[in-house]
Amino acid sequence: MKNLLYQAYLMAGDRDQLTVLNFLKRVESLSEGQIQKLQEERIRALLRHAYTNVPYYRKQIERLGGFQAIETGDVKTFLSELPLLTKTTIREFWEDLKSQDLKSREWFYNTSGGSTGEPVRLIQDYVFREHVRAVKAFYDLWTGYRAGMPKIVLWGSERDLFLGRERLRTRLGRWLRNEYWLNAFRMGPSEMRECLRLINTVRPVQILAYAEAAYELARFAEREGLKVYPPRAVMTSAGTLYTYMRETIQRVFNAPVFNRYGSREVGDIACECEAHKGLHVCPVMNYVEILREDGTPAAPGEVGEVVVTSLTNYAMPLIRYRIGDMAVWAEEKCSCGRAWPLLKTVIGRVSDTFITRDGTRVHGEYFTHLVYFRDWIQKFQFIQENYDLVTLLVVPSCEFEKAKQIVEHDYQDLLHKIQIVMGRSCRLEIKLVEDIPPSPSGKYRYTISKVAKND
């Protein structure tokens, strides 16, 4: 009944989401040649829009031959000649990257996830939002889940911690979808017991969770010898899913794990199907390149940097955006028969988990959320020095003297939100620095727990 009510709810308020979902179902069965043609059409349409409406890209495309160059020749070759887009570029050319037809669009602000330690503000539109929602629902179908079936969502929600309530529309949507949300930002023994109790009561078809949260919950259940109801599938996201994590989750929940890869900037990029041979890239949502250090395409089986072109957000097009992850193209086609591009694996960033004195684990992404929309922060790194001290290193986006004034203004708010999860005794030190270097491996870490290393 809830499924029918939810379909009616979509038809009344989010009909476009249903339209996109049905479109994705048709794209799923296309041949490789048909997918290539469809993707090229969408790339060309995006470039036409960028040339006509986005000053930054008008200059770049004009340099390569202008509108005529978009229409003739291989569009992917043309695309590869455009410069890579970085967060620094977005900050520097913010006004020139906005589409000049924003007044005719329904748009909103968002930020990057901050997993590089350098969050940046973005503009996204209604069409992009509906594609993001639809592709999530589509990937869910691969796990055997459909809207209206019982679902547990173990996700990060600072709203639950700070306000204690969600908007009525949010609660109604969750009720119609039969979703039960739990906060992955707070994973103490009592919270994990409650989570397992709810799983056993709700008997979900799917559990959607941060990869680290699902792994910690599985470890806790196994360590405590607690019974766990087996869902049809566990969907993990928002973090690197290592082999040992997958094995533990599958063993404890007695269910297959489907890994999903995406970001706030471009939505869900790829997901595992039932064959579990890699992650299929949705070809009409994003165009993905994997590049070597010299900028040339990486061969299948070769590690390279992920570069994404969002094909659905025209409000502020992200063309050849360096998302900050490393990945590998699969060397063989998936046995499921789908012709969508296939990633063998995504070598994402590690989100260190902070640990409180009583053993509660706090997902590192909680701290990332604390700096969303704080425009004075260009780059950051949270360090848990010990149980009672967190250091926040900040490379400010403004002059140091002005940044010091803002620190004084924001300090109590940040301290309060950190103490909510770390305990009242936890102190916060904010240090303004010129730069934050990457780790010896070359990866930038936005959270580091010195306690977790010794745990």
Protein backbone atom coordinates (compact mmCIF):
# COMPACT_ATOMS: atom_id res chain seq x y z
CA MET A 1 0.00 0.00 0.00
CA LYS A 2 2.85 2.36 0.85
CA ASN A 3 4.37 1.67 -2.54
CA LEU A 4 1.15 2.78 -4.25
CA LEU A 5 0.92 5.85 -2.02
CA TYR A 6 4.52 6.74 -2.80
CA GLN A 7 3.92 6.41 -6.54
CA ALA A 8 0.94 8.76 -6.17
CA TYR A 9 3.14 11.11 -4.13
CA LEU A 10 5.72 11.15 -6.94
CA MET A 11 3.07 11.73 -9.59
CA ALA A 12 1.72 14.66 -7.61
CA GLY A 13 4.99 16.37 -6.75
CA ASP A 14 7.99 14.66 -8.37
CA ARG A 15 6.68 13.33 -11.67
CA ASP A 16 9.97 14.15 -13.40
CA GLN A 17 11.78 11.73 -11.11
CA LEU A 18 9.52 8.92 -12.31
CA THR A 19 10.09 9.94 -15.92
CA VAL A 20 13.86 9.78 -15.46
CA LEU A 21 13.61 6.42 -13.68
CA ASN A 22 11.66 4.92 -16.59
CA PHE A 23 14.21 6.42 -18.99
CA LEU A 24 17.07 4.74 -17.09
CA LYS A 25 15.27 1.40 -17.34
CA ARG A 26 15.23 1.77 -21.12
CA VAL A 27 18.89 2.82 -21.24
CA GLU A 28 19.81 -0.26 -19.21
CA SER A 29 18.99 -2.55 -22.14
CA LEU A 30 20.73 -0.57 -24.88
CA SER A 31 23.70 -1.94 -26.78
CA GLU A 32 27.19 -0.51 -26.37
CA GLY A 33 26.88 1.35 -29.67
CA GLN A 34 23.51 2.83 -28.74
CA ILE A 35 24.87 3.95 -25.36
CA GLN A 36 27.89 5.58 -26.99
CA LYS A 37 25.64 7.50 -29.38
CA LEU A 38 23.27 8.62 -26.61
CA GLN A 39 26.13 9.72 -24.39
CA GLU A 40 27.78 11.67 -27.20
CA GLU A 41 24.47 13.47 -27.85
CA ARG A 42 24.25 14.49 -24.20
CA ILE A 43 27.88 15.66 -24.13
CA ARG A 44 27.31 17.73 -27.25
CA ALA A 45 24.13 19.26 -25.79
CA LEU A 46 25.99 20.17 -22.59
CA LEU A 47 28.82 21.79 -24.56
CA ARG A 48 26.35 23.78 -26.66
CA HIS A 49 24.76 25.10 -23.48
CA ALA A 50 28.12 25.86 -21.89
CA TYR A 51 29.30 27.76 -24.96
CA THR A 52 26.08 29.78 -25.17
CA ASN A 53 25.47 30.47 -21.47
CA VAL A 54 28.64 30.00 -19.40
CA PRO A 55 31.35 32.69 -19.85
CA TYR A 56 34.19 30.50 -18.56
CA TYR A 57 33.47 27.72 -21.05
CA ARG A 58 32.68 30.15 -23.88
CA LYS A 59 36.30 31.32 -23.71
CA GLN A 60 37.67 27.76 -23.51
CA ILE A 61 35.53 26.50 -26.40
CA GLU A 62 36.23 29.57 -28.54
CA ARG A 63 39.93 28.82 -28.15
CA LEU A 64 39.30 25.35 -29.63
CA GLY A 65 37.25 26.50 -32.62
CA GLY A 66 33.97 27.67 -31.17
CA PHE A 67 30.48 26.34 -31.86
CA GLN A 68 31.48 24.74 -35.15
CA ALA A 69 34.08 22.60 -33.40
CA ILE A 70 31.39 21.20 -31.07
CA GLU A 71 29.22 20.14 -33.99
CA THR A 72 31.90 18.51 -36.12
CA GLY A 73 34.25 15.62 -35.41
CA ASP A 74 34.40 13.34 -32.39
CA VAL A 75 32.84 15.13 -29.44
CA LYS A 76 34.76 13.12 -26.82
CA THR A 77 38.05 14.03 -28.47
CA PHE A 78 36.97 17.67 -28.41
CA LEU A 79 35.98 17.33 -24.75
CA SER A 80 39.40 15.91 -23.87
CA GLU A 81 41.03 19.13 -25.08
CA LEU A 82 39.20 21.24 -22.49
CA PRO A 83 41.12 21.96 -19.26
CA LEU A 84 40.49 19.95 -16.11
CA LEU A 85 38.26 21.68 -13.58
CA THR A 86 39.46 21.93 -9.97
CA LYS A 87 37.99 23.37 -6.79
CA THR A 88 40.52 26.19 -7.03
CA THR A 89 39.25 27.00 -10.52
CA ILE A 90 35.66 27.03 -9.27
CA ARG A 91 36.56 29.49 -6.53
CA GLU A 92 38.58 31.71 -8.85
CA PHE A 93 36.03 31.78 -11.70
CA TRP A 94 32.85 31.43 -9.63
CA GLU A 95 30.88 34.12 -11.46
CA ASP A 96 32.01 33.02 -14.91
CA LEU A 97 31.06 29.38 -14.22
CA LYS A 98 27.43 30.22 -13.45
CA SER A 99 24.98 29.78 -16.30
CA GLN A 100 23.57 33.11 -17.48
CA ASP A 101 20.06 31.62 -17.73
CA LEU A 102 19.76 30.96 -13.96
CA LYS A 103 16.70 33.21 -13.76
CA SER A 104 14.78 30.69 -15.87
CA ARG A 105 15.89 27.74 -13.75
CA GLU A 106 14.89 26.32 -10.39
CA TRP A 107 18.27 26.14 -8.68
CA PHE A 108 19.89 25.82 -5.26
CA TYR A 109 23.28 25.92 -3.57
CA ASN A 110 25.16 22.79 -2.59
CA THR A 111 28.73 22.09 -1.51
CA SER A 112 31.27 19.47 -2.36
CA GLY A 113 31.52 16.72 0.23
CA GLY A 114 34.78 18.02 1.61
CA SER A 115 36.53 14.66 1.36
CA THR A 116 39.54 16.43 -0.14
CA GLY A 117 39.54 18.82 2.79
CA GLU A 118 38.72 21.64 0.36
CA PRO A 119 34.91 22.09 0.26
CA VAL A 120 33.56 24.37 -2.43
CA ARG A 121 30.11 25.86 -3.02
CA LEU A 122 28.23 24.79 -6.16
CA ILE A 123 24.98 25.64 -7.92
CA GLN A 124 22.71 22.79 -9.01
CA ASP A 125 19.30 22.76 -10.65
CA TYR A 126 15.98 20.92 -10.51
CA VAL A 127 16.78 18.67 -13.49
CA PHE A 128 20.01 17.54 -11.85
CA ARG A 129 18.20 16.89 -8.55
CA GLU A 130 15.56 14.69 -10.20
CA HIS A 131 18.26 12.72 -12.02
CA VAL A 132 20.14 12.22 -8.73
CA ARG A 133 17.01 10.88 -7.03
CA ALA A 134 16.05 8.70 -9.97
CA VAL A 135 19.46 7.07 -10.35
CA LYS A 136 19.45 6.16 -6.63
CA ALA A 137 16.07 4.50 -7.08
CA PHE A 138 17.33 2.76 -10.20
CA TYR A 139 20.42 1.34 -8.52
CA ASP A 140 18.19 0.17 -5.67
CA LEU A 141 16.32 -2.02 -8.15
CA TRP A 142 19.52 -3.99 -8.75
CA THR A 143 19.51 -5.00 -5.08
CA GLY A 144 15.91 -6.23 -5.24
CA TYR A 145 14.56 -3.19 -3.40
CA ARG A 146 11.63 -1.04 -4.56
CA ALA A 147 10.22 2.07 -2.94
CA GLY A 148 7.73 1.13 -0.26
CA MET A 149 9.60 -1.95 0.92
CA PRO A 150 11.02 -1.67 4.46
CA LYS A 151 14.47 -0.10 4.49
CA ILE A 152 16.99 0.85 7.18
CA VAL A 153 19.17 3.88 6.39
CA LEU A 154 22.31 4.22 8.52
CA TRP A 155 23.45 7.64 7.34
CA GLY A 156 24.97 10.85 8.63
CA SER A 157 22.42 13.43 9.74
CA GLU A 158 23.65 16.44 11.66
CA ARG A 159 20.05 17.70 11.67
CA ASP A 160 19.03 14.88 14.02
CA LEU A 161 21.80 15.85 16.43
CA PHE A 162 21.45 19.61 16.26
CA LEU A 163 17.68 20.07 15.97
CA GLY A 164 16.23 16.75 17.04
CA ARG A 165 13.63 16.82 14.29
CA GLU A 166 13.20 16.71 10.52
CA ARG A 167 10.90 18.71 8.28
CA LEU A 168 7.36 17.39 7.88
CA ARG A 169 7.93 16.78 4.16
CA THR A 170 11.04 14.75 4.98
CA ARG A 171 9.23 12.65 7.59
CA LEU A 172 6.27 12.09 5.25
CA GLY A 173 8.58 10.98 2.44
CA ARG A 174 10.36 8.52 4.72
CA TRP A 175 7.05 7.12 6.00
CA LEU A 176 5.73 6.63 2.47
CA ARG A 177 8.98 4.99 1.40
CA ASN A 178 8.93 2.82 4.54
CA GLU A 179 12.38 4.06 5.54
CA TYR A 180 13.80 4.07 9.06
CA TRP A 181 16.75 6.42 9.52
CA LEU A 182 19.52 6.03 12.07
CA ASN A 183 22.46 8.32 12.64
CA ALA A 184 25.82 6.99 11.46
CA PHE A 185 27.58 9.93 13.09
CA ARG A 186 27.01 8.44 16.53
CA MET A 187 27.93 4.76 16.86
CA GLY A 188 28.25 3.95 20.56
CA PRO A 189 27.30 0.56 22.04
CA SER A 190 23.78 1.69 22.99
CA GLU A 191 23.18 3.22 19.54
CA MET A 192 24.40 0.07 17.79
CA ARG A 193 22.20 -2.14 19.98
CA GLU A 194 19.22 0.05 19.11
CA CYS A 195 20.13 -0.17 15.44
CA LEU A 196 20.25 -3.97 15.55
CA ARG A 197 16.97 -4.06 17.50
CA LEU A 198 15.31 -1.93 14.82
CA ILE A 199 16.70 -4.13 12.05
CA ASN A 200 15.29 -7.21 13.74
CA THR A 201 11.93 -5.49 14.24
CA VAL A 202 11.55 -3.85 10.83
CA ARG A 203 13.00 -6.82 8.89
CA PRO A 204 14.24 -4.58 6.05
CA VAL A 205 14.62 -5.64 2.44
CA GLN A 206 17.64 -3.35 2.17
CA ILE A 207 20.08 -1.68 4.56
CA LEU A 208 21.71 1.45 3.16
CA ALA A 209 24.74 2.59 5.13
CA TYR A 210 28.07 4.35 5.14
CA ALA A 211 30.63 1.64 4.38
CA GLU A 212 32.45 2.23 7.67
CA ALA A 213 29.20 2.35 9.67
CA ALA A 214 27.99 -0.96 8.23
CA TYR A 215 31.36 -2.53 8.99
CA GLU A 216 31.47 -1.25 12.59
CA LEU A 217 27.89 -2.41 13.19
CA ALA A 218 28.73 -5.86 11.82
CA ARG A 219 31.85 -6.08 14.00
CA PHE A 220 29.84 -5.08 17.06
CA ALA A 221 27.10 -7.66 16.41
CA GLU A 222 29.66 -10.39 15.88
CA ARG A 223 31.71 -9.42 18.93
CA GLU A 224 28.61 -9.33 21.14
CA GLY A 225 27.11 -12.49 19.65
CA LEU A 226 23.90 -10.67 18.68
CA LYS A 227 21.36 -12.05 16.25
CA VAL A 228 20.87 -10.01 13.06
CA TYR A 229 17.93 -10.31 10.66
CA PRO A 230 19.31 -10.93 7.13
CA PRO A 231 18.08 -8.33 4.61
CA ARG A 232 17.96 -9.05 0.92
CA ALA A 233 20.91 -6.69 0.39
CA VAL A 234 23.24 -4.21 2.06
CA MET A 235 24.04 -1.11 0.01
CA THR A 236 27.21 0.72 1.07
CA SER A 237 28.43 4.14 0.05
CA ALA A 238 30.26 7.27 1.28
CA GLY A 239 33.62 5.65 1.88
CA THR A 240 36.01 3.03 0.61
CA LEU A 241 34.68 -0.52 0.92
CA TYR A 242 37.70 -2.74 1.45
CA THR A 243 37.59 -6.49 0.89
CA TYR A 244 37.84 -7.28 4.62
CA MET A 245 34.93 -4.91 5.29
CA ARG A 246 32.77 -6.52 2.62
CA GLU A 247 33.52 -10.02 3.94
CA THR A 248 32.59 -9.06 7.50
CA ILE A 249 29.36 -7.30 6.48
CA GLN A 250 28.28 -10.21 4.27
CA ARG A 251 29.10 -12.78 6.95
CA VAL A 252 27.25 -11.02 9.76
CA PHE A 253 24.21 -9.83 7.79
CA ASN A 254 24.13 -12.97 5.63
CA ALA A 255 23.37 -10.81 2.59
CA PRO A 256 25.20 -9.62 -0.54
CA VAL A 257 26.86 -6.19 -0.42
CA PHE A 258 26.30 -3.72 -3.25
CA ASN A 259 28.80 -0.88 -3.32
CA ARG A 260 27.71 2.52 -4.68
CA TYR A 261 30.03 5.36 -5.64
CA GLY A 262 29.08 9.01 -5.93
CA SER A 263 29.51 12.52 -4.62
CA ARG A 264 27.54 15.64 -3.74
CA GLU A 265 29.00 17.41 -6.75
CA VAL A 266 27.81 15.02 -9.47
CA GLY A 267 25.42 12.57 -7.79
CA ASP A 268 25.78 8.80 -7.90
CA ILE A 269 28.40 7.82 -10.44
CA ALA A 270 28.44 4.02 -10.38
CA CYS A 271 27.08 0.96 -8.58
CA GLU A 272 27.52 -2.78 -8.42
CA CYS A 273 24.94 -5.01 -10.07
CA GLU A 274 23.95 -8.50 -8.95
CA ALA A 275 27.05 -10.01 -10.65
CA HIS A 276 29.44 -8.04 -8.36
CA LYS A 277 32.11 -7.80 -11.05
CA GLY A 278 32.62 -4.05 -10.65
CA LEU A 279 30.65 -0.81 -10.59
CA HIS A 280 28.57 0.23 -13.61
CA VAL A 281 28.77 3.91 -14.52
CA CYS A 282 25.40 5.42 -15.45
CA PRO A 283 26.27 6.75 -18.93
CA VAL A 284 23.52 9.39 -19.13
CA MET A 285 24.22 10.85 -15.69
CA ASN A 286 27.99 11.33 -15.91
CA TYR A 287 30.79 10.89 -18.40
CA VAL A 288 33.80 9.43 -16.56
CA GLU A 289 37.45 9.54 -17.55
CA ILE A 290 40.32 7.84 -15.71
CA LEU A 291 43.58 9.62 -16.42
CA ARG A 292 47.27 9.03 -15.87
CA GLU A 293 49.44 11.73 -14.32
CA ASP A 294 50.29 13.05 -17.79
CA GLY A 295 46.60 13.47 -18.61
CA THR A 296 46.34 10.55 -21.03
CA PRO A 297 43.59 7.92 -20.57
CA ALA A 298 44.50 5.05 -18.26
CA ALA A 299 44.24 1.58 -19.73
CA PRO A 300 41.87 -1.03 -18.24
CA GLY A 301 43.46 -2.45 -15.11
CA GLU A 302 45.58 0.68 -14.62
CA VAL A 303 45.06 3.02 -11.67
CA GLY A 304 44.29 6.61 -12.60
CA GLU A 305 42.57 9.77 -11.43
CA VAL A 306 38.78 10.00 -11.75
CA VAL A 307 37.58 12.97 -13.84
CA VAL A 308 33.82 13.47 -14.16
CA THR A 309 31.63 15.51 -16.50
CA SER A 310 28.12 15.95 -15.13
CA LEU A 311 25.65 15.59 -18.01
CA THR A 312 22.57 16.86 -16.19
CA ASN A 313 23.47 20.02 -14.23
CA TYR A 314 23.27 23.03 -16.51
CA ALA A 315 23.08 25.64 -13.73
CA MET A 316 26.83 25.42 -13.12
CA PRO A 317 28.29 22.82 -15.50
CA LEU A 318 31.11 20.71 -14.09
CA ILE A 319 33.08 19.65 -17.15
CA ARG A 320 36.11 17.39 -16.62
CA TYR A 321 35.93 17.88 -12.86
CA ARG A 322 38.74 16.42 -10.76
CA ILE A 323 36.75 14.74 -8.03
CA GLY A 324 39.82 13.64 -6.07
CA ASP A 325 39.54 9.84 -6.24
CA MET A 326 41.55 7.13 -7.96
CA ALA A 327 39.94 4.22 -9.80
CA VAL A 328 40.53 1.40 -12.27
CA TRP A 329 38.55 0.45 -15.39
CA ALA A 330 37.59 -3.23 -15.55
CA GLU A 331 39.55 -5.36 -17.99
CA GLU A 332 36.56 -7.54 -18.88
CA LYS A 333 32.87 -6.90 -19.48
CA CYS A 334 30.41 -7.70 -16.73
CA SER A 335 28.72 -11.09 -16.92
CA CYS A 336 25.32 -9.43 -16.31
CA GLY A 337 25.24 -8.38 -19.97
CA ARG A 338 24.75 -4.65 -19.37
CA ALA A 339 26.83 -2.51 -21.71
CA TRP A 340 27.37 0.34 -19.26
CA PRO A 341 31.02 1.31 -18.58
CA LEU A 342 32.47 -0.78 -15.77
CA LEU A 343 34.84 0.28 -13.00
CA LYS A 344 36.83 -2.56 -11.52
CA THR A 345 37.33 -0.71 -8.27
CA VAL A 346 37.36 2.77 -6.78
CA ILE A 347 40.35 3.60 -4.61
CA GLY A 348 38.69 6.31 -2.56
CA ARG A 349 39.90 8.26 0.44
CA VAL A 350 40.03 6.89 3.95
CA SER A 351 37.77 8.65 6.42
CA ASP A 352 39.36 8.16 9.83
CA THR A 353 36.94 7.33 12.60
CA PHE A 354 37.27 9.30 15.84
CA ILE A 355 36.90 7.40 19.12
CA THR A 356 35.52 8.78 22.37
CA ARG A 357 36.74 7.80 25.81
CA ASP A 358 33.82 5.35 26.25
CA GLY A 359 34.65 3.64 22.96
CA THR A 360 31.98 5.29 20.81
CA ARG A 361 33.07 5.63 17.19
CA VAL A 362 32.26 8.87 15.38
CA HIS A 363 32.36 8.73 11.57
CA GLY A 364 34.96 11.09 10.15
CA GLU A 365 32.45 12.58 7.75
CA TYR A 366 30.62 14.14 10.70
CA PHE A 367 33.46 16.65 10.97
CA THR A 368 33.37 17.35 7.24
CA HIS A 369 29.73 18.40 7.62
CA LEU A 370 30.70 20.93 10.29
CA VAL A 371 32.48 23.14 7.76
CA TYR A 372 29.85 23.08 5.02
CA PHE A 373 29.02 26.60 3.83
CA ARG A 374 31.76 28.23 5.92
CA ASP A 375 33.20 30.20 3.02
CA TRP A 376 36.17 31.44 5.04
CA ILE A 377 37.60 27.91 5.07
CA GLN A 378 39.52 27.04 1.93
CA LYS A 379 41.14 23.85 3.19
CA PHE A 380 40.91 21.98 6.46
CA GLN A 381 41.99 18.97 8.46
CA PHE A 382 40.57 17.66 11.75
CA ILE A 383 43.03 15.79 14.00
CA GLN A 384 42.01 13.84 17.08
CA GLU A 385 45.11 14.28 19.24
CA ASN A 386 43.66 12.31 22.18
CA TYR A 387 40.29 11.58 23.76
CA ASP A 388 39.89 15.17 24.95
CA LEU A 389 41.49 17.26 22.22
CA VAL A 390 40.60 17.88 18.57
CA THR A 391 42.76 20.19 16.46
CA LEU A 392 41.31 21.90 13.40
CA LEU A 393 43.88 23.11 10.89
CA VAL A 394 42.49 25.75 8.53
CA VAL A 395 43.91 27.35 5.43
CA PRO A 396 41.67 30.45 5.27
CA SER A 397 40.25 31.81 2.03
CA CYS A 398 40.67 35.37 3.34
CA GLU A 399 43.36 37.42 5.07
CA PHE A 400 44.65 35.91 8.32
CA GLU A 401 43.52 38.88 10.43
CA LYS A 402 39.98 38.62 9.11
CA ALA A 403 40.07 34.83 9.55
CA LYS A 404 41.03 35.28 13.22
CA GLN A 405 37.92 37.39 13.76
CA ILE A 406 35.73 34.77 12.10
CA VAL A 407 37.33 32.03 14.23
CA GLU A 408 36.30 33.94 17.35
CA HIS A 409 32.75 34.16 15.99
CA ASP A 410 32.47 30.49 14.89
CA TYR A 411 34.47 28.86 17.67
CA GLN A 412 31.67 28.22 20.19
CA ASP A 413 29.37 26.80 17.50
CA LEU A 414 32.06 24.38 16.30
CA LEU A 415 33.05 23.40 19.84
CA HIS A 416 29.42 22.73 20.81
CA LYS A 417 28.85 20.47 17.81
CA ILE A 418 32.07 18.57 18.41
CA GLN A 419 31.22 18.08 22.09
CA ILE A 420 27.82 16.64 21.10
CA VAL A 421 29.57 13.56 19.73
CA MET A 422 32.95 13.61 21.49
CA GLY A 423 31.82 14.50 25.02
CA ARG A 424 31.68 17.66 27.14
CA SER A 425 35.32 17.33 28.17
CA CYS A 426 36.61 17.53 24.61
CA ARG A 427 38.51 20.70 23.74
CA LEU A 428 38.97 22.28 20.32
CA GLU A 429 42.01 24.13 19.04
CA ILE A 430 41.78 25.97 15.72
CA LYS A 431 45.05 26.75 14.00
CA LEU A 432 45.34 28.96 10.92
CA VAL A 433 48.06 27.69 8.60
CA GLU A 434 49.47 28.55 5.20
CA ASP A 435 49.05 25.03 3.82
CA ILE A 436 48.20 21.45 4.76
CA PRO A 437 50.45 18.96 2.95
CA PRO A 438 49.25 15.55 1.76
CA SER A 439 50.31 12.32 3.42
CA PRO A 440 53.50 10.52 2.25
CA SER A 441 51.32 8.35 -0.02
CA GLY A 442 50.16 11.48 -1.83
CA LYS A 443 46.57 11.24 -0.56
CA TYR A 444 45.07 14.13 1.34
CA ARG A 445 43.33 13.16 4.59
CA TYR A 446 40.68 15.47 5.95
CA THR A 447 40.41 13.62 9.28
CA ILE A 448 43.20 11.96 11.23
CA SER A 449 42.66 10.12 14.48
CA LYS A 450 45.77 9.44 16.51
CA VAL A 451 43.59 7.51 18.93
CA ALA A 452 42.21 5.22 16.21
CA LYS A 453 45.74 4.29 15.15
CA ASN A 454 46.36 2.85 18.60
CA ASP A 455 42.89 1.30 18.99
